[in-house]
Amino acid sequence: MAGHARYTALLDACVLYPLAMTDALMSLATAGFFAAKWTTRIEDEWIRSLEKQRPELVGKLGIRRDSMRDAIPDWEVPETAWSAITRGVRAQHRKLLHRCRSCR
């Protein structure tokens, strides 16, 4: 049922980083409460952050990433869909990234 919900949410790295929150959001999305979306850049960010915090996980998070992708087949927001938008909001995005990093 993923992707057929009335609402769509872009899940940023700060909500994909904590395992419990990710599990809860994936469960709600697969139940059809909302369509979960994220980018490969967001994936890279949460993986990099988690590997930095937990060095023993380096190279082992691909399974988690692949499971998330399998659970939400239409997860990806392609770079072409968002890159033009982000050019105009670079300064605001930097502030948002700072806030995301502080929410860990």
PDB file of N, CA and C in Angstrom:
ATOM      1  N   MET A   1       0.817  -1.195   0.000  1.00  0.00           N
ATOM      2  CA  MET A   1       0.000   0.000   0.000  1.00  0.00           C
ATOM      3  C   MET A   1       0.862   1.261   0.000  1.00  0.00           C
ATOM      4  N   ALA A   2       2.155   1.100   0.134  1.00  0.00           N
ATOM      5  CA  ALA A   2       3.037   2.257   0.153  1.00  0.00           C
ATOM      6  C   ALA A   2       2.884   3.056  -1.129  1.00  0.00           C
ATOM      7  N   GLY A   3       2.803   4.372  -0.999  1.00  0.00           N
ATOM      8  CA  GLY A   3       2.700   5.236  -2.152  1.00  0.00           C
ATOM      9  C   GLY A   3       1.276   5.544  -2.571  1.00  0.00           C
ATOM     10  N   HIS A   4       0.285   4.947  -1.946  1.00  0.00           N
ATOM     11  CA  HIS A   4      -1.106   5.183  -2.308  1.00  0.00           C
ATOM     12  C   HIS A   4      -1.846   5.956  -1.222  1.00  0.00           C
ATOM     13  N   ALA A   5      -1.121   6.610  -0.372  1.00  0.00           N
ATOM     14  CA  ALA A   5      -1.712   7.367   0.722  1.00  0.00           C
ATOM     15  C   ALA A   5      -2.077   8.772   0.255  1.00  0.00           C
ATOM     16  N   ARG A   6      -2.928   9.396   1.026  1.00  0.00           N
ATOM     17  CA  ARG A   6      -3.342  10.764   0.701  1.00  0.00           C
ATOM     18  C   ARG A   6      -2.217  11.765   0.956  1.00  0.00           C
ATOM     19  N   TYR A   7      -1.395  11.494   1.965  1.00  0.00           N
ATOM     20  CA  TYR A   7      -0.325  12.413   2.347  1.00  0.00           C
ATOM     21  C   TYR A   7       1.032  11.821   1.991  1.00  0.00           C
ATOM     22  N   THR A   8       1.945  12.712   1.649  1.00  0.00           N
ATOM     23  CA  THR A   8       3.312  12.309   1.354  1.00  0.00           C
ATOM     24  C   THR A   8       4.230  13.055   2.302  1.00  0.00           C
ATOM     25  N   ALA A   9       5.213  12.334   2.848  1.00  0.00           N
ATOM     26  CA  ALA A   9       6.181  12.949   3.758  1.00  0.00           C
ATOM     27  C   ALA A   9       7.588  12.656   3.264  1.00  0.00           C
ATOM     28  N   LEU A  10       8.403  13.698   3.204  1.00  0.00           N
ATOM     29  CA  LEU A  10       9.811  13.528   2.897  1.00  0.00           C
ATOM     30  C   LEU A  10      10.517  13.265   4.223  1.00  0.00           C
ATOM     31  N   LEU A  11      11.081  12.081   4.367  1.00  0.00           N
ATOM     32  CA  LEU A  11      11.754  11.701   5.609  1.00  0.00           C
ATOM     33  C   LEU A  11      13.215  12.111   5.525  1.00  0.00           C
ATOM     34  N   ASP A  12      13.612  13.008   6.398  1.00  0.00           N
ATOM     35  CA  ASP A  12      14.980  13.502   6.394  1.00  0.00           C
ATOM     36  C   ASP A  12      15.863  12.591   7.242  1.00  0.00           C
ATOM     37  N   ALA A  13      17.160  12.817   7.158  1.00  0.00           N
ATOM     38  CA  ALA A  13      18.126  11.969   7.851  1.00  0.00           C
ATOM     39  C   ALA A  13      17.908  11.949   9.361  1.00  0.00           C
ATOM     40  N   CYS A  14      17.433  13.042   9.926  1.00  0.00           N
ATOM     41  CA  CYS A  14      17.272  13.092  11.382  1.00  0.00           C
ATOM     42  C   CYS A  14      16.157  12.181  11.878  1.00  0.00           C
ATOM     43  N   VAL A  15      15.227  11.768  11.014  1.00  0.00           N
ATOM     44  CA  VAL A  15      14.204  10.805  11.434  1.00  0.00           C
ATOM     45  C   VAL A  15      14.529   9.399  10.947  1.00  0.00           C
ATOM     46  N   LEU A  16      15.460   9.255  10.006  1.00  0.00           N
ATOM     47  CA  LEU A  16      15.875   7.930   9.552  1.00  0.00           C
ATOM     48  C   LEU A  16      17.079   7.408  10.334  1.00  0.00           C
ATOM     49  N   TYR A  17      17.723   8.265  11.077  1.00  0.00           N
ATOM     50  CA  TYR A  17      18.895   7.892  11.881  1.00  0.00           C
ATOM     51  C   TYR A  17      18.507   7.008  13.071  1.00  0.00           C
ATOM     52  N   PRO A  18      17.544   7.401  13.916  1.00  0.00           N
ATOM     53  CA  PRO A  18      17.198   6.554  15.066  1.00  0.00           C
ATOM     54  C   PRO A  18      16.369   5.337  14.623  1.00  0.00           C
ATOM     55  N   LEU A  19      16.796   4.161  15.023  1.00  0.00           N
ATOM     56  CA  LEU A  19      16.157   2.927  14.572  1.00  0.00           C
ATOM     57  C   LEU A  19      14.680   2.846  14.959  1.00  0.00           C
ATOM     58  N   ALA A  20      14.351   3.188  16.197  1.00  0.00           N
ATOM     59  CA  ALA A  20      12.952   3.084  16.647  1.00  0.00           C
ATOM     60  C   ALA A  20      12.039   4.015  15.840  1.00  0.00           C
ATOM     61  N   MET A  21      12.499   5.216  15.585  1.00  0.00           N
ATOM     62  CA  MET A  21      11.685   6.162  14.822  1.00  0.00           C
ATOM     63  C   MET A  21      11.526   5.690  13.377  1.00  0.00           C
ATOM     64  N   THR A  22      12.617   5.196  12.802  1.00  0.00           N
ATOM     65  CA  THR A  22      12.552   4.681  11.433  1.00  0.00           C
ATOM     66  C   THR A  22      11.575   3.522  11.345  1.00  0.00           C
ATOM     67  N   ASP A  23      11.651   2.590  12.287  1.00  0.00           N
ATOM     68  CA  ASP A  23      10.743   1.444  12.287  1.00  0.00           C
ATOM     69  C   ASP A  23       9.285   1.893  12.390  1.00  0.00           C
ATOM     70  N   ALA A  24       9.028   2.852  13.269  1.00  0.00           N
ATOM     71  CA  ALA A  24       7.661   3.348  13.438  1.00  0.00           C
ATOM     72  C   ALA A  24       7.167   4.005  12.149  1.00  0.00           C
ATOM     73  N   LEU A  25       7.994   4.843  11.544  1.00  0.00           N
ATOM     74  CA  LEU A  25       7.593   5.526  10.319  1.00  0.00           C
ATOM     75  C   LEU A  25       7.406   4.553   9.155  1.00  0.00           C
ATOM     76  N   MET A  26       8.286   3.557   9.048  1.00  0.00           N
ATOM     77  CA  MET A  26       8.143   2.556   7.986  1.00  0.00           C
ATOM     78  C   MET A  26       6.848   1.758   8.188  1.00  0.00           C
ATOM     79  N   SER A  27       6.524   1.433   9.435  1.00  0.00           N
ATOM     80  CA  SER A  27       5.287   0.699   9.722  1.00  0.00           C
ATOM     81  C   SER A  27       4.055   1.514   9.338  1.00  0.00           C
ATOM     82  N   LEU A  28       4.058   2.788   9.688  1.00  0.00           N
ATOM     83  CA  LEU A  28       2.925   3.651   9.345  1.00  0.00           C
ATOM     84  C   LEU A  28       2.796   3.832   7.836  1.00  0.00           C
ATOM     85  N   ALA A  29       3.925   3.961   7.165  1.00  0.00           N
ATOM     86  CA  ALA A  29       3.898   4.144   5.713  1.00  0.00           C
ATOM     87  C   ALA A  29       3.411   2.875   5.010  1.00  0.00           C
ATOM     88  N   THR A  30       3.899   1.720   5.430  1.00  0.00           N
ATOM     89  CA  THR A  30       3.465   0.479   4.778  1.00  0.00           C
ATOM     90  C   THR A  30       2.009   0.162   5.094  1.00  0.00           C
ATOM     91  N   ALA A  31       1.481   0.709   6.191  1.00  0.00           N
ATOM     92  CA  ALA A  31       0.059   0.533   6.518  1.00  0.00           C
ATOM     93  C   ALA A  31      -0.817   1.511   5.732  1.00  0.00           C
ATOM     94  N   GLY A  32      -0.194   2.438   5.002  1.00  0.00           N
ATOM     95  CA  GLY A  32      -0.946   3.342   4.152  1.00  0.00           C
ATOM     96  C   GLY A  32      -1.330   4.666   4.772  1.00  0.00           C
ATOM     97  N   PHE A  33      -0.780   4.993   5.935  1.00  0.00           N
ATOM     98  CA  PHE A  33      -1.098   6.271   6.568  1.00  0.00           C
ATOM     99  C   PHE A  33      -0.497   7.453   5.827  1.00  0.00           C
ATOM    100  N   PHE A  34       0.632   7.239   5.195  1.00  0.00           N
ATOM    101  CA  PHE A  34       1.259   8.278   4.381  1.00  0.00           C
ATOM    102  C   PHE A  34       2.237   7.603   3.431  1.00  0.00           C
ATOM    103  N   ALA A  35       2.618   8.319   2.396  1.00  0.00           N
ATOM    104  CA  ALA A  35       3.630   7.833   1.454  1.00  0.00           C
ATOM    105  C   ALA A  35       4.980   8.382   1.898  1.00  0.00           C
ATOM    106  N   ALA A  36       5.891   7.495   2.226  1.00  0.00           N
ATOM    107  CA  ALA A  36       7.223   7.898   2.673  1.00  0.00           C
ATOM    108  C   ALA A  36       8.140   8.075   1.467  1.00  0.00           C
ATOM    109  N   LYS A  37       8.868   9.170   1.463  1.00  0.00           N
ATOM    110  CA  LYS A  37       9.810   9.474   0.387  1.00  0.00           C
ATOM    111  C   LYS A  37      11.122   9.940   1.005  1.00  0.00           C
ATOM    112  N   TRP A  38      12.220   9.663   0.314  1.00  0.00           N
ATOM    113  CA  TRP A  38      13.515  10.208   0.690  1.00  0.00           C
ATOM    114  C   TRP A  38      14.408  10.137  -0.538  1.00  0.00           C
ATOM    115  N   THR A  39      15.588  10.723  -0.422  1.00  0.00           N
ATOM    116  CA  THR A  39      16.527  10.778  -1.536  1.00  0.00           C
ATOM    117  C   THR A  39      17.750   9.924  -1.218  1.00  0.00           C
ATOM    118  N   THR A  40      18.537   9.638  -2.230  1.00  0.00           N
ATOM    119  CA  THR A  40      19.781   8.914  -1.973  1.00  0.00           C
ATOM    120  C   THR A  40      20.738   9.778  -1.145  1.00  0.00           C
ATOM    121  N   ARG A  41      20.641  11.082  -1.293  1.00  0.00           N
ATOM    122  CA  ARG A  41      21.478  11.979  -0.491  1.00  0.00           C
ATOM    123  C   ARG A  41      21.098  11.886   0.987  1.00  0.00           C
ATOM    124  N   ILE A  42      19.808  11.788   1.270  1.00  0.00           N
ATOM    125  CA  ILE A  42      19.346  11.622   2.655  1.00  0.00           C
ATOM    126  C   ILE A  42      19.829  10.279   3.195  1.00  0.00           C
ATOM    127  N   GLU A  43      19.745   9.229   2.379  1.00  0.00           N
ATOM    128  CA  GLU A  43      20.275   7.926   2.798  1.00  0.00           C
ATOM    129  C   GLU A  43      21.751   8.029   3.155  1.00  0.00           C
ATOM    130  N   ASP A  44      22.522   8.643   2.282  1.00  0.00           N
ATOM    131  CA  ASP A  44      23.960   8.797   2.535  1.00  0.00           C
ATOM    132  C   ASP A  44      24.208   9.533   3.841  1.00  0.00           C
ATOM    133  N   GLU A  45      23.394  10.545   4.115  1.00  0.00           N
ATOM    134  CA  GLU A  45      23.592  11.345   5.330  1.00  0.00           C
ATOM    135  C   GLU A  45      23.329  10.535   6.589  1.00  0.00           C
ATOM    136  N   TRP A  46      22.199   9.796   6.657  1.00  0.00           N
ATOM    137  CA  TRP A  46      21.941   9.050   7.889  1.00  0.00           C
ATOM    138  C   TRP A  46      22.925   7.894   8.065  1.00  0.00           C
ATOM    139  N   ILE A  47      23.330   7.279   6.946  1.00  0.00           N
ATOM    140  CA  ILE A  47      24.301   6.187   7.047  1.00  0.00           C
ATOM    141  C   ILE A  47      25.651   6.721   7.526  1.00  0.00           C
ATOM    142  N   ARG A  48      26.099   7.803   6.934  1.00  0.00           N
ATOM    143  CA  ARG A  48      27.376   8.418   7.330  1.00  0.00           C
ATOM    144  C   ARG A  48      27.358   8.834   8.803  1.00  0.00           C
ATOM    145  N   SER A  49      26.258   9.434   9.233  1.00  0.00           N
ATOM    146  CA  SER A  49      26.147   9.881  10.630  1.00  0.00           C
ATOM    147  C   SER A  49      26.136   8.704  11.596  1.00  0.00           C
ATOM    148  N   LEU A  50      25.406   7.668  11.246  1.00  0.00           N
ATOM    149  CA  LEU A  50      25.332   6.502  12.121  1.00  0.00           C
ATOM    150  C   LEU A  50      26.672   5.773  12.184  1.00  0.00           C
ATOM    151  N   GLU A  51      27.363   5.666  11.047  1.00  0.00           N
ATOM    152  CA  GLU A  51      28.680   5.032  11.047  1.00  0.00           C
ATOM    153  C   GLU A  51      29.702   5.852  11.831  1.00  0.00           C
ATOM    154  N   LYS A  52      29.564   7.154  11.804  1.00  0.00           N
ATOM    155  CA  LYS A  52      30.462   8.009  12.580  1.00  0.00           C
ATOM    156  C   LYS A  52      30.227   7.822  14.076  1.00  0.00           C
ATOM    157  N   GLN A  53      28.955   7.733  14.460  1.00  0.00           N
ATOM    158  CA  GLN A  53      28.595   7.554  15.872  1.00  0.00           C
ATOM    159  C   GLN A  53      28.886   6.135  16.357  1.00  0.00           C
ATOM    160  N   ARG A  54      28.710   5.154  15.455  1.00  0.00           N
ATOM    161  CA  ARG A  54      28.879   3.740  15.813  1.00  0.00           C
ATOM    162  C   ARG A  54      29.824   3.072  14.804  1.00  0.00           C
ATOM    163  N   PRO A  55      31.135   3.238  14.975  1.00  0.00           N
ATOM    164  CA  PRO A  55      32.108   2.724  14.002  1.00  0.00           C
ATOM    165  C   PRO A  55      31.994   1.221  13.734  1.00  0.00           C
ATOM    166  N   GLU A  56      31.467   0.475  14.676  1.00  0.00           N
ATOM    167  CA  GLU A  56      31.337  -0.971  14.464  1.00  0.00           C
ATOM    168  C   GLU A  56      30.295  -1.305  13.380  1.00  0.00           C
ATOM    169  N   LEU A  57      29.484  -0.313  12.987  1.00  0.00           N
ATOM    170  CA  LEU A  57      28.474  -0.521  11.953  1.00  0.00           C
ATOM    171  C   LEU A  57      28.951  -0.166  10.543  1.00  0.00           C
ATOM    172  N   VAL A  58      30.176   0.301  10.417  1.00  0.00           N
ATOM    173  CA  VAL A  58      30.699   0.694   9.107  1.00  0.00           C
ATOM    174  C   VAL A  58      30.594  -0.497   8.149  1.00  0.00           C
ATOM    175  N   GLY A  59      29.949  -0.246   7.014  1.00  0.00           N
ATOM    176  CA  GLY A  59      29.789  -1.272   6.001  1.00  0.00           C
ATOM    177  C   GLY A  59      28.658  -2.259   6.248  1.00  0.00           C
ATOM    178  N   LYS A  60      27.918  -2.101   7.345  1.00  0.00           N
ATOM    179  CA  LYS A  60      26.858  -3.061   7.690  1.00  0.00           C
ATOM    180  C   LYS A  60      25.450  -2.492   7.554  1.00  0.00           C
ATOM    181  N   LEU A  61      25.321  -1.235   7.181  1.00  0.00           N
ATOM    182  CA  LEU A  61      24.006  -0.597   7.149  1.00  0.00           C
ATOM    183  C   LEU A  61      23.287  -0.757   5.809  1.00  0.00           C
ATOM    184  N   GLY A  62      23.940  -1.389   4.855  1.00  0.00           N
ATOM    185  CA  GLY A  62      23.303  -1.635   3.565  1.00  0.00           C
ATOM    186  C   GLY A  62      22.064  -2.510   3.699  1.00  0.00           C
ATOM    187  N   ILE A  63      22.090  -3.437   4.632  1.00  0.00           N
ATOM    188  CA  ILE A  63      20.932  -4.313   4.857  1.00  0.00           C
ATOM    189  C   ILE A  63      19.738  -3.496   5.335  1.00  0.00           C
ATOM    190  N   ARG A  64      19.983  -2.593   6.272  1.00  0.00           N
ATOM    191  CA  ARG A  64      18.899  -1.725   6.768  1.00  0.00           C
ATOM    192  C   ARG A  64      18.364  -0.846   5.629  1.00  0.00           C
ATOM    193  N   ARG A  65      19.275  -0.246   4.871  1.00  0.00           N
ATOM    194  CA  ARG A  65      18.872   0.596   3.739  1.00  0.00           C
ATOM    195  C   ARG A  65      18.049  -0.196   2.723  1.00  0.00           C
ATOM    196  N   ASP A  66      18.515  -1.388   2.374  1.00  0.00           N
ATOM    197  CA  ASP A  66      17.812  -2.208   1.394  1.00  0.00           C
ATOM    198  C   ASP A  66      16.445  -2.664   1.911  1.00  0.00           C
ATOM    199  N   SER A  67      16.355  -2.953   3.198  1.00  0.00           N
ATOM    200  CA  SER A  67      15.062  -3.338   3.792  1.00  0.00           C
ATOM    201  C   SER A  67      14.068  -2.185   3.723  1.00  0.00           C
ATOM    202  N   MET A  68      14.556  -0.971   3.971  1.00  0.00           N
ATOM    203  CA  MET A  68      13.693   0.204   3.873  1.00  0.00           C
ATOM    204  C   MET A  68      13.212   0.387   2.437  1.00  0.00           C
ATOM    205  N   ARG A  69      14.117   0.215   1.487  1.00  0.00           N
ATOM    206  CA  ARG A  69      13.753   0.357   0.075  1.00  0.00           C
ATOM    207  C   ARG A  69      12.744  -0.711  -0.348  1.00  0.00           C
ATOM    208  N   ASP A  70      12.928  -1.930   0.155  1.00  0.00           N
ATOM    209  CA  ASP A  70      11.991  -3.016  -0.167  1.00  0.00           C
ATOM    210  C   ASP A  70      10.612  -2.762   0.425  1.00  0.00           C
ATOM    211  N   ALA A  71      10.580  -2.189   1.628  1.00  0.00           N
ATOM    212  CA  ALA A  71       9.300  -1.920   2.297  1.00  0.00           C
ATOM    213  C   ALA A  71       8.520  -0.815   1.595  1.00  0.00           C
ATOM    214  N   ILE A  72       9.235   0.156   1.033  1.00  0.00           N
ATOM    215  CA  ILE A  72       8.610   1.302   0.354  1.00  0.00           C
ATOM    216  C   ILE A  72       9.166   1.356  -1.069  1.00  0.00           C
ATOM    217  N   PRO A  73       8.591   0.589  -1.991  1.00  0.00           N
ATOM    218  CA  PRO A  73       9.157   0.496  -3.342  1.00  0.00           C
ATOM    219  C   PRO A  73       9.261   1.829  -4.091  1.00  0.00           C
ATOM    220  N   ASP A  74       8.386   2.773  -3.805  1.00  0.00           N
ATOM    221  CA  ASP A  74       8.427   4.064  -4.500  1.00  0.00           C
ATOM    222  C   ASP A  74       9.027   5.164  -3.617  1.00  0.00           C
ATOM    223  N   TRP A  75      10.041   4.804  -2.856  1.00  0.00           N
ATOM    224  CA  TRP A  75      10.664   5.689  -1.875  1.00  0.00           C
ATOM    225  C   TRP A  75      11.420   6.865  -2.482  1.00  0.00           C
ATOM    226  N   GLU A  76      12.022   6.675  -3.642  1.00  0.00           N
ATOM    227  CA  GLU A  76      13.022   7.638  -4.115  1.00  0.00           C
ATOM    228  C   GLU A  76      12.430   8.897  -4.731  1.00  0.00           C
ATOM    229  N   VAL A  77      12.954  10.021  -4.278  1.00  0.00           N
ATOM    230  CA  VAL A  77      12.719  11.301  -4.931  1.00  0.00           C
ATOM    231  C   VAL A  77      13.978  11.537  -5.761  1.00  0.00           C
ATOM    232  N   PRO A  78      13.873  11.449  -7.079  1.00  0.00           N
ATOM    233  CA  PRO A  78      15.066  11.585  -7.918  1.00  0.00           C
ATOM    234  C   PRO A  78      15.693  12.972  -7.803  1.00  0.00           C
ATOM    235  N   GLU A  79      16.993  13.007  -7.968  1.00  0.00           N
ATOM    236  CA  GLU A  79      17.720  14.281  -7.847  1.00  0.00           C
ATOM    237  C   GLU A  79      17.171  15.334  -8.800  1.00  0.00           C
ATOM    238  N   THR A  80      16.753  14.941  -9.976  1.00  0.00           N
ATOM    239  CA  THR A  80      16.227  15.910 -10.943  1.00  0.00           C
ATOM    240  C   THR A  80      14.954  16.580 -10.430  1.00  0.00           C
ATOM    241  N   ALA A  81      14.236  15.920  -9.534  1.00  0.00           N
ATOM    242  CA  ALA A  81      12.990  16.489  -9.003  1.00  0.00           C
ATOM    243  C   ALA A  81      13.236  17.535  -7.931  1.00  0.00           C
ATOM    244  N   TRP A  82      14.366  17.447  -7.249  1.00  0.00           N
ATOM    245  CA  TRP A  82      14.577  18.390  -6.152  1.00  0.00           C
ATOM    246  C   TRP A  82      15.776  19.311  -6.327  1.00  0.00           C
ATOM    247  N   SER A  83      16.683  19.022  -7.238  1.00  0.00           N
ATOM    248  CA  SER A  83      17.901  19.837  -7.341  1.00  0.00           C
ATOM    249  C   SER A  83      17.614  21.275  -7.752  1.00  0.00           C
ATOM    250  N   ALA A  84      16.677  21.480  -8.652  1.00  0.00           N
ATOM    251  CA  ALA A  84      16.356  22.848  -9.078  1.00  0.00           C
ATOM    252  C   ALA A  84      15.762  23.657  -7.931  1.00  0.00           C
ATOM    253  N   ILE A  85      14.979  23.023  -7.107  1.00  0.00           N
ATOM    254  CA  ILE A  85      14.354  23.709  -5.972  1.00  0.00           C
ATOM    255  C   ILE A  85      15.404  24.116  -4.952  1.00  0.00           C
ATOM    256  N   THR A  86      16.359  23.240  -4.682  1.00  0.00           N
ATOM    257  CA  THR A  86      17.338  23.508  -3.634  1.00  0.00           C
ATOM    258  C   THR A  86      18.308  24.620  -3.980  1.00  0.00           C
ATOM    259  N   ARG A  87      18.498  24.891  -5.249  1.00  0.00           N
ATOM    260  CA  ARG A  87      19.406  25.984  -5.616  1.00  0.00           C
ATOM    261  C   ARG A  87      18.949  27.306  -5.008  1.00  0.00           C
ATOM    262  N   GLY A  88      17.654  27.521  -4.952  1.00  0.00           N
ATOM    263  CA  GLY A  88      17.118  28.778  -4.446  1.00  0.00           C
ATOM    264  C   GLY A  88      17.033  28.865  -2.934  1.00  0.00           C
ATOM    265  N   VAL A  89      17.258  27.756  -2.267  1.00  0.00           N
ATOM    266  CA  VAL A  89      17.099  27.766  -0.807  1.00  0.00           C
ATOM    267  C   VAL A  89      18.345  27.237  -0.097  1.00  0.00           C
ATOM    268  N   ARG A  90      19.483  27.426  -0.690  1.00  0.00           N
ATOM    269  CA  ARG A  90      20.728  26.909  -0.102  1.00  0.00           C
ATOM    270  C   ARG A  90      20.946  27.398   1.330  1.00  0.00           C
ATOM    271  N   ALA A  91      20.757  28.675   1.575  1.00  0.00           N
ATOM    272  CA  ALA A  91      21.003  29.223   2.913  1.00  0.00           C
ATOM    273  C   ALA A  91      20.035  28.622   3.928  1.00  0.00           C
ATOM    274  N   GLN A  92      18.764  28.526   3.565  1.00  0.00           N
ATOM    275  CA  GLN A  92      17.785  27.951   4.476  1.00  0.00           C
ATOM    276  C   GLN A  92      18.086  26.468   4.703  1.00  0.00           C
ATOM    277  N   HIS A  93      18.554  25.776   3.671  1.00  0.00           N
ATOM    278  CA  HIS A  93      18.865  24.359   3.780  1.00  0.00           C
ATOM    279  C   HIS A  93      20.020  24.138   4.747  1.00  0.00           C
ATOM    280  N   ARG A  94      21.011  25.015   4.689  1.00  0.00           N
ATOM    281  CA  ARG A  94      22.131  24.884   5.629  1.00  0.00           C
ATOM    282  C   ARG A  94      21.646  25.022   7.064  1.00  0.00           C
ATOM    283  N   LYS A  95      20.723  25.954   7.294  1.00  0.00           N
ATOM    284  CA  LYS A  95      20.160  26.110   8.632  1.00  0.00           C
ATOM    285  C   LYS A  95      19.385  24.864   9.039  1.00  0.00           C
ATOM    286  N   LEU A  96      18.637  24.288   8.097  1.00  0.00           N
ATOM    287  CA  LEU A  96      17.873  23.081   8.375  1.00  0.00           C
ATOM    288  C   LEU A  96      18.811  21.912   8.676  1.00  0.00           C
ATOM    289  N   LEU A  97      19.868  21.773   7.913  1.00  0.00           N
ATOM    290  CA  LEU A  97      20.839  20.706   8.172  1.00  0.00           C
ATOM    291  C   LEU A  97      21.436  20.851   9.568  1.00  0.00           C
ATOM    292  N   HIS A  98      21.734  22.078   9.951  1.00  0.00           N
ATOM    293  CA  HIS A  98      22.271  22.313  11.289  1.00  0.00           C
ATOM    294  C   HIS A  98      21.266  21.862  12.349  1.00  0.00           C
ATOM    295  N   ARG A  99      19.988  22.189  12.140  1.00  0.00           N
ATOM    296  CA  ARG A  99      18.951  21.763  13.090  1.00  0.00           C
ATOM    297  C   ARG A  99      18.843  20.250  13.132  1.00  0.00           C
ATOM    298  N   CYS A 100      18.947  19.594  11.979  1.00  0.00           N
ATOM    299  CA  CYS A 100      18.854  18.129  11.932  1.00  0.00           C
ATOM    300  C   CYS A 100      20.014  17.485  12.688  1.00  0.00           C
ATOM    301  N   ARG A 101      21.173  18.055  12.520  1.00  0.00           N
ATOM    302  CA  ARG A 101      22.332  17.503  13.234  1.00  0.00           C
ATOM    303  C   ARG A 101      22.186  17.681  14.740  1.00  0.00           C
ATOM    304  N   SER A 102      21.546  18.755  15.155  1.00  0.00           N
ATOM    305  CA  SER A 102      21.405  18.993  16.592  1.00  0.00           C
ATOM    306  C   SER A 102      20.293  18.167  17.212  1.00  0.00           C
ATOM    307  N   CYS A 103      19.442  17.535  16.377  1.00  0.00           N
ATOM    308  CA  CYS A 103      18.330  16.765  16.948  1.00  0.00           C
ATOM    309  C   CYS A 103      18.743  15.345  17.322  1.00  0.00           C
ATOM    310  N   ARG A 104      19.962  14.985  17.092  1.00  0.00           N
ATOM    311  CA  ARG A 104      20.416  13.625  17.446  1.00  0.00           C
ATOM    312  C   ARG A 104      20.675  13.494  18.907  1.00  0.00           C
TER     313      ARG A 104
END
